[in-house]
Protein backbone atom coordinates (compact mmCIF):
# COMPACT_ATOMS: atom_id res chain seq x y z
CA MET A 1 15.99 0.32 4.11
CA ASN A 2 14.04 3.45 2.78
CA SER A 3 14.71 2.62 -0.91
CA PHE A 4 12.77 0.07 -3.35
CA GLY A 5 13.82 -0.97 -6.71
CA THR A 6 16.99 -1.00 -9.16
CA LEU A 7 16.16 0.87 -12.42
CA PHE A 8 12.98 2.33 -11.29
CA LYS A 9 13.88 3.23 -7.57
CA ILE A 10 12.15 5.07 -4.73
CA THR A 11 13.54 6.35 -1.61
CA LEU A 12 10.91 7.41 1.00
CA TYR A 13 11.10 9.81 3.78
CA GLY A 14 9.37 11.95 6.57
CA GLU A 15 6.91 10.79 9.88
CA SER A 16 3.25 11.46 10.31
CA HIS A 17 3.59 14.54 12.22
CA GLN A 18 6.94 16.17 10.72
CA ASP A 19 6.72 19.48 8.42
CA ALA A 20 6.45 17.07 5.26
CA ILE A 21 7.01 13.62 3.82
CA GLY A 22 7.68 12.44 0.18
CA ILE A 23 9.77 10.37 -2.22
CA VAL A 24 12.62 10.62 -4.57
CA ILE A 25 11.81 8.64 -7.68
CA ASP A 26 14.82 7.49 -9.89
CA GLY A 27 14.36 5.64 -13.57
CA VAL A 28 11.39 7.71 -14.76
CA THR A 29 11.56 7.18 -18.54
CA PRO A 30 13.21 10.73 -20.02
CA GLY A 31 11.09 12.69 -21.95
CA LEU A 32 7.83 11.44 -20.01
CA LYS A 33 4.91 14.26 -19.53
CA ILE A 34 3.65 13.38 -16.64
CA ASN A 35 -0.01 13.87 -16.43
CA TRP A 36 -0.39 15.64 -12.93
CA ASP A 37 -4.07 15.45 -12.90
CA LYS A 38 -3.76 11.71 -12.87
CA VAL A 39 -1.43 11.86 -9.76
CA ARG A 40 -4.02 14.04 -7.84
CA ASN A 41 -6.72 11.85 -8.86
CA ASP A 42 -5.00 8.69 -7.58
CA LEU A 43 -4.25 10.94 -4.07
CA ALA A 44 -7.58 12.01 -3.91
CA LEU A 45 -9.02 8.07 -3.94
CA ARG A 46 -6.50 7.80 -1.03
CA ARG A 47 -8.03 10.62 1.17
CA PRO A 48 -10.52 10.11 3.69
CA GLY A 49 -14.34 11.40 3.36
CA ALA A 50 -16.77 8.13 3.10
CA VAL A 51 -17.99 6.43 5.69
CA GLY A 52 -15.36 4.68 8.10
CA THR A 53 -12.39 6.55 7.44
CA THR A 54 -10.49 9.19 9.45
CA PRO A 55 -11.82 12.82 10.36
CA ARG A 56 -7.96 13.83 9.68
CA VAL A 57 -8.00 15.32 6.05
CA GLU A 58 -4.64 16.42 4.40
CA LYS A 59 -5.04 18.32 1.17
CA ASP A 60 -2.15 16.07 0.00
CA GLU A 61 -0.85 19.20 -2.18
CA PHE A 62 2.39 18.28 -3.59
CA GLU A 63 5.45 20.27 -4.63
CA VAL A 64 8.11 19.04 -7.16
CA THR A 65 11.44 20.26 -7.01
CA SER A 66 13.33 18.28 -9.34
CA GLY A 67 13.42 15.93 -12.65
CA ILE A 68 11.13 18.04 -14.61
CA PHE A 69 11.69 20.35 -17.37
CA ASN A 70 9.52 22.17 -19.44
CA GLY A 71 6.99 19.82 -18.30
CA HIS A 72 8.74 16.55 -19.23
CA ALA A 73 10.99 14.01 -16.92
CA THR A 74 14.48 15.12 -17.53
CA GLY A 75 15.78 11.25 -16.53
CA SER A 76 17.05 12.70 -13.02
CA PRO A 77 15.59 11.76 -9.95
CA ILE A 78 12.41 13.60 -9.44
CA HIS A 79 11.52 14.70 -5.87
CA LEU A 80 7.92 15.09 -4.94
CA MET A 81 7.34 16.66 -1.08
CA ILE A 82 3.65 16.64 0.54
CA ARG A 83 3.04 19.03 3.41
CA ASN A 84 1.67 17.78 6.92
CA GLU A 85 -0.71 20.52 7.60
CA ASN A 86 -3.64 18.79 9.93
CA VAL A 87 -1.88 17.43 12.97
CA ILE A 88 -2.86 17.29 16.64
CA SER A 89 0.37 15.79 18.27
CA LYS A 90 -0.81 16.43 21.81
CA ASP A 91 -2.93 13.10 21.36
CA TYR A 92 0.08 10.85 21.29
CA THR A 93 2.24 12.09 24.38
CA HIS A 94 0.85 9.10 26.68
CA LEU A 95 2.27 6.70 24.14
CA ARG A 96 6.11 6.87 25.21
CA LYS A 97 4.77 5.08 28.40
CA GLN A 98 1.97 2.77 27.22
CA PRO A 99 2.58 1.27 23.81
CA ARG A 100 -0.63 0.68 21.97
CA PRO A 101 -1.64 -2.84 21.09
CA GLY A 102 -1.24 -3.65 17.57
CA HIS A 103 0.92 -0.81 16.56
CA ALA A 104 4.54 -0.55 16.51
CA ASP A 105 5.08 1.32 19.34
CA TYR A 106 6.96 -0.89 21.60
CA VAL A 107 9.59 -2.31 19.03
CA ALA A 108 10.21 1.10 17.67
CA SER A 109 11.06 2.33 21.05
CA ILE A 110 13.34 -0.59 21.87
CA LYS A 111 15.00 -0.34 18.28
CA TYR A 112 15.62 3.24 18.17
CA LYS A 113 16.36 3.67 21.85
CA GLY A 114 13.46 6.05 22.51
CA PHE A 115 14.64 8.53 19.99
CA GLN A 116 11.78 7.77 17.23
CA ASP A 117 9.15 10.08 16.46
CA TYR A 118 6.15 8.39 18.01
CA ARG A 119 3.49 11.05 16.97
CA GLY A 120 0.97 9.59 14.89
CA GLY A 121 2.97 6.36 14.67
CA GLY A 122 5.57 8.22 13.29
CA ARG A 123 7.80 6.51 10.23
CA PHE A 124 5.15 3.33 10.63
CA SER A 125 1.98 5.67 10.19
CA GLY A 126 -0.24 4.93 7.04
CA ARG A 127 0.30 8.99 6.09
CA LEU A 128 3.44 7.50 4.22
CA THR A 129 1.65 5.54 1.99
CA ALA A 130 0.65 9.04 0.50
CA PRO A 131 4.11 9.65 -1.46
CA ILE A 132 3.78 6.03 -2.62
CA VAL A 133 0.47 6.68 -4.29
CA ALA A 134 2.04 9.66 -6.24
CA ALA A 135 5.23 7.55 -7.54
CA GLY A 136 2.92 4.56 -8.47
CA SER A 137 0.82 7.03 -10.36
CA ILE A 138 3.48 8.35 -12.43
CA ALA A 139 4.88 4.51 -12.94
CA LYS A 140 1.59 3.43 -14.18
CA GLN A 141 2.29 6.31 -17.12
CA MET A 142 5.23 4.72 -18.22
CA LEU A 143 3.61 1.40 -18.52
CA PRO A 144 1.26 -0.33 -21.12
CA PHE A 145 -0.54 -2.17 -18.32
CA LYS A 146 -4.12 -1.31 -17.09
CA PHE A 147 -4.44 -1.24 -13.70
CA SER A 148 -7.82 -1.49 -11.33
CA HIS A 149 -8.71 -2.61 -7.68
CA GLN A 150 -11.84 -3.47 -5.61
CA LEU A 151 -12.99 -3.86 -2.31
CA ILE A 152 -14.40 -7.63 -2.03
CA GLN A 153 -14.96 -8.05 1.57
CA VAL A 154 -14.95 -5.43 4.64
CA GLY A 155 -15.10 -7.63 8.16
CA SER A 156 -17.70 -10.01 7.86
CA GLU A 157 -19.74 -7.74 5.01
CA THR A 158 -19.15 -9.13 1.40
CA ASN A 159 -21.62 -6.89 -0.36
CA MET A 160 -20.55 -3.42 -0.71
CA ASP A 161 -23.74 -1.66 -1.43
CA ASN A 162 -24.17 -1.91 2.29
CA LEU A 163 -20.84 -1.06 3.81
CA ASP A 164 -21.99 2.76 4.93
CA ALA A 165 -24.58 0.97 7.24
CA TYR A 166 -22.02 -2.06 8.04
CA LEU A 167 -19.53 0.63 9.11
CA LYS A 168 -21.57 2.69 10.93
CA LYS A 169 -22.29 0.11 13.16
CA VAL A 170 -18.89 -1.04 13.48
CA ALA A 171 -18.03 2.36 14.65
CA GLU A 172 -21.06 2.91 16.97
CA GLN A 173 -19.33 -0.35 18.84
CA GLY A 174 -16.07 1.65 19.13
CA GLU A 175 -14.30 -1.01 16.87
CA SER A 176 -12.73 -1.43 13.49
CA VAL A 177 -12.71 -3.73 10.87
CA GLY A 178 -10.14 -5.46 8.39
CA GLY A 179 -10.92 -6.58 4.91
CA ILE A 180 -9.64 -8.07 1.44
CA VAL A 181 -8.74 -5.86 -1.84
CA GLU A 182 -8.09 -7.30 -5.18
CA VAL A 183 -5.81 -5.39 -7.63
CA ARG A 184 -5.56 -6.91 -11.10
CA VAL A 185 -3.28 -5.93 -13.87
CA SER A 186 -4.31 -6.51 -17.35
CA ASP A 187 -3.13 -6.15 -21.38
CA MET A 188 0.32 -7.99 -19.44
CA ILE A 189 2.96 -9.16 -21.56
CA VAL A 190 5.29 -12.32 -21.20
CA GLY A 191 8.48 -12.21 -19.50
CA ILE A 192 8.32 -9.63 -16.52
CA GLY A 193 10.34 -11.27 -13.52
CA GLU A 194 13.76 -12.19 -12.77
CA PRO A 195 14.15 -15.37 -11.16
CA MET A 196 15.68 -16.70 -8.62
CA PHE A 197 15.41 -13.60 -6.50
CA GLU A 198 13.58 -11.21 -8.12
CA LYS A 199 10.60 -12.90 -9.28
CA LEU A 200 7.54 -10.77 -9.90
CA ASP A 201 5.38 -12.59 -7.23
CA ALA A 202 8.46 -12.22 -4.87
CA LYS A 203 8.73 -8.62 -5.37
CA ILE A 204 5.02 -8.16 -5.42
CA GLY A 205 4.98 -9.95 -1.78
CA GLN A 206 7.97 -7.67 -0.61
CA MET A 207 6.17 -4.69 -1.67
CA MET A 208 2.53 -5.51 -0.32
CA PHE A 209 4.13 -6.36 3.13
CA SER A 210 5.85 -3.05 2.93
CA ILE A 211 2.55 -1.19 3.24
CA PRO A 212 1.21 -0.56 6.87
CA ALA A 213 -1.66 -3.24 7.95
CA VAL A 214 -0.82 -5.47 5.29
CA LYS A 215 -0.98 -9.23 6.75
CA GLY A 216 -1.93 -11.34 3.62
CA VAL A 217 -1.11 -11.71 0.06
CA GLU A 218 -2.29 -14.19 -2.33
CA ILE A 219 -1.30 -14.48 -5.79
CA GLY A 220 -4.48 -16.04 -8.16
CA THR A 221 -6.36 -18.35 -6.20
CA GLY A 222 -4.33 -18.47 -3.43
CA PHE A 223 -4.88 -20.36 -0.05
CA SER A 224 -8.24 -21.89 -1.63
CA GLY A 225 -6.23 -23.68 -3.92
CA ALA A 226 -5.33 -25.99 -1.27
CA THR A 227 -8.54 -27.90 -2.11
CA LYS A 228 -8.07 -28.64 -5.68
CA PHE A 229 -6.46 -31.02 -7.37
CA GLY A 230 -3.24 -30.60 -9.73
CA SER A 231 -5.48 -31.16 -12.59
CA GLU A 232 -7.81 -28.84 -11.26
CA PHE A 233 -5.37 -26.07 -10.42
CA ASN A 234 -3.19 -26.31 -13.67
CA ASP A 235 -3.84 -23.67 -15.86
CA VAL A 236 -4.45 -25.04 -19.50
CA TYR A 237 -2.59 -23.43 -22.24
CA GLU A 238 -5.36 -22.45 -25.12
CA ASP A 239 -3.16 -20.79 -28.08
CA ALA A 240 0.63 -19.91 -28.74
CA THR A 241 0.28 -16.31 -27.18
CA GLY A 242 0.19 -17.95 -23.39
CA LYS A 243 -3.92 -17.66 -22.78
CA THR A 244 -5.15 -20.12 -20.22
CA LEU A 245 -8.18 -21.16 -19.87
CA THR A 246 -8.01 -20.57 -16.36
CA ASN A 247 -5.78 -17.90 -14.01
CA HIS A 248 -5.34 -19.93 -10.84
CA SER A 249 -1.67 -18.62 -11.07
CA GLY A 250 -2.72 -15.69 -11.10
CA GLY A 251 -0.56 -14.35 -14.30
CA VAL A 252 2.75 -15.49 -12.93
CA SER A 253 4.37 -18.70 -14.03
CA GLY A 254 8.02 -19.62 -12.24
CA GLY A 255 8.39 -15.91 -11.04
CA ILE A 256 7.49 -14.61 -14.61
CA SER A 257 4.61 -13.08 -16.20
CA ASN A 258 2.72 -15.15 -18.55
CA GLY A 259 0.56 -12.63 -20.09
CA ASN A 260 -2.62 -13.12 -18.24
CA ASP A 261 -3.98 -10.82 -15.89
CA LEU A 262 -2.02 -10.31 -12.83
CA VAL A 263 -4.68 -11.09 -9.90
CA ILE A 264 -3.56 -10.20 -6.35
CA LYS A 265 -5.63 -10.37 -2.80
CA VAL A 266 -4.12 -8.42 0.10
CA PHE A 267 -5.68 -8.79 3.65
CA VAL A 268 -5.33 -5.54 5.65
CA LYS A 269 -6.07 -6.25 9.31
CA PRO A 270 -8.50 -4.09 11.38
CA THR A 271 -7.37 -0.74 12.57
CA SER A 272 -5.27 -1.06 15.55
CA SER A 273 -6.16 2.10 16.86
CA ILE A 274 -10.03 1.73 18.23
CA GLY A 275 -12.47 3.91 20.50
CA LYS A 276 -12.99 1.07 22.90
CA SER A 277 -10.70 1.32 26.32
CA GLN A 278 -7.89 -0.83 26.01
CA THR A 279 -5.45 -2.65 28.40
CA SER A 280 -1.58 -2.44 27.92
CA PHE A 281 1.40 -2.69 30.04
CA ASN A 282 2.51 0.65 31.26
CA LEU A 283 6.72 1.44 31.13
CA GLU A 284 6.42 3.56 34.31
CA THR A 285 4.21 1.95 36.50
CA GLN A 286 5.24 -1.50 35.48
CA LYS A 287 1.86 -2.95 35.60
CA LYS A 288 -1.16 -3.57 33.03
CA GLU A 289 -3.31 -0.50 33.08
CA THR A 290 -6.85 1.00 30.99
CA PHE A 291 -6.42 3.56 28.36
CA GLU A 292 -7.48 5.30 25.69
CA VAL A 293 -5.76 5.93 22.35
CA GLY A 294 -7.29 9.05 21.27
CA GLY A 295 -6.64 10.70 18.10
CA ARG A 296 -8.30 10.34 14.64
CA HIS A 297 -8.42 7.08 13.22
CA ASP A 298 -10.14 5.20 10.50
CA THR A 299 -12.89 2.40 11.22
CA ALA A 300 -11.61 0.66 8.20
CA ILE A 301 -8.37 1.46 6.73
CA VAL A 302 -9.05 -0.99 4.31
CA ARG A 303 -11.67 1.35 2.46
CA ARG A 304 -8.68 3.58 1.64
CA VAL A 305 -6.16 1.09 0.80
CA GLY A 306 -6.82 0.00 -2.82
CA ILE A 307 -5.05 2.65 -4.80
CA VAL A 308 -2.39 2.08 -2.35
CA LEU A 309 -1.82 -1.16 -3.06
CA GLU A 310 -2.63 -0.88 -7.11
CA ASN A 311 -0.07 2.07 -7.63
CA ALA A 312 2.69 -0.01 -5.00
CA ILE A 313 2.34 -2.97 -7.52
CA ALA A 314 2.83 -0.42 -10.33
CA ILE A 315 6.15 0.74 -8.71
CA VAL A 316 7.17 -3.05 -8.77
CA LEU A 317 6.44 -3.61 -12.50
CA ALA A 318 7.94 -0.36 -13.32
CA ASP A 319 11.28 -1.73 -12.31
CA LEU A 320 10.97 -5.08 -13.75
CA TYR A 321 9.57 -3.80 -16.95
CA LEU A 322 12.81 -1.97 -17.37
CA TRP A 323 14.65 -5.00 -16.31
CA SER A 324 13.15 -7.00 -19.14
CA LYS A 325 14.12 -4.29 -21.44
CA ALA A 326 17.78 -6.30 -21.41
CA TYR A 327 16.28 -9.24 -23.42
CA LEU A 328 15.33 -7.25 -26.19
């Protein structure tokens, strides 16, 4: 439930307004000298600061309490903990009686019989992606691949040079927007992925949909391929290395990496918490009532999620990369 992976395995813990959040990472290559500056740089990419991001700013300073000795990974689990320091929990007390549209408040209250930590979204908060970024940063240091991500659309805006001005207008309306992020992994090798039920694209999909606010995933050309004939969609092989003329399959054939770039597009929904007054059912009064969410939220969470998606994919690849060693 709270773990992902087999040979490279992560276990995530914590809630948005608890004292700390963190992750246990098992399977890091013994002897790996982790560049902690790279971890800090990736965490900085996730933090707010740009137009359209939340005013809740956490330092994301982390503590590593196990799995490292003399600067190298020992081969035992690494425990990495991040303190929650900038919390204002009073903003969320009303959510016990009036669940927010688009959030997990209602389903969590039913599933966990009212015992869930509802503050800041609790276990369902995007705050939990910080440890995922840290673990993925370590995973990238184990892998021979190159990772990158880019925003390709935010709301109706496709020119990222206009993004600040666009998001200011959205925020003034008390609204939010979603968007699309493309993650690309290059210098791939052939053979990553284990059919039938541990396919590379299947595991990527599982991990992507585990990230809060993700509502759509495409591998390669994706849904736009519905208009193409088979002769157009098929990726023609160019040489014995598996290089293809096109990459409609997004680097995956039959659930196995084919050596071409992995190309993943992810749709992130509009932030559910908005500045506008909304209507929701009040569980105490038993009727629909107007309310305001309160708290501190992103106009476009998609602006910060690129590094989360990139590093989450690195976790998938680290696990399946270790699996592939069984064939060597």
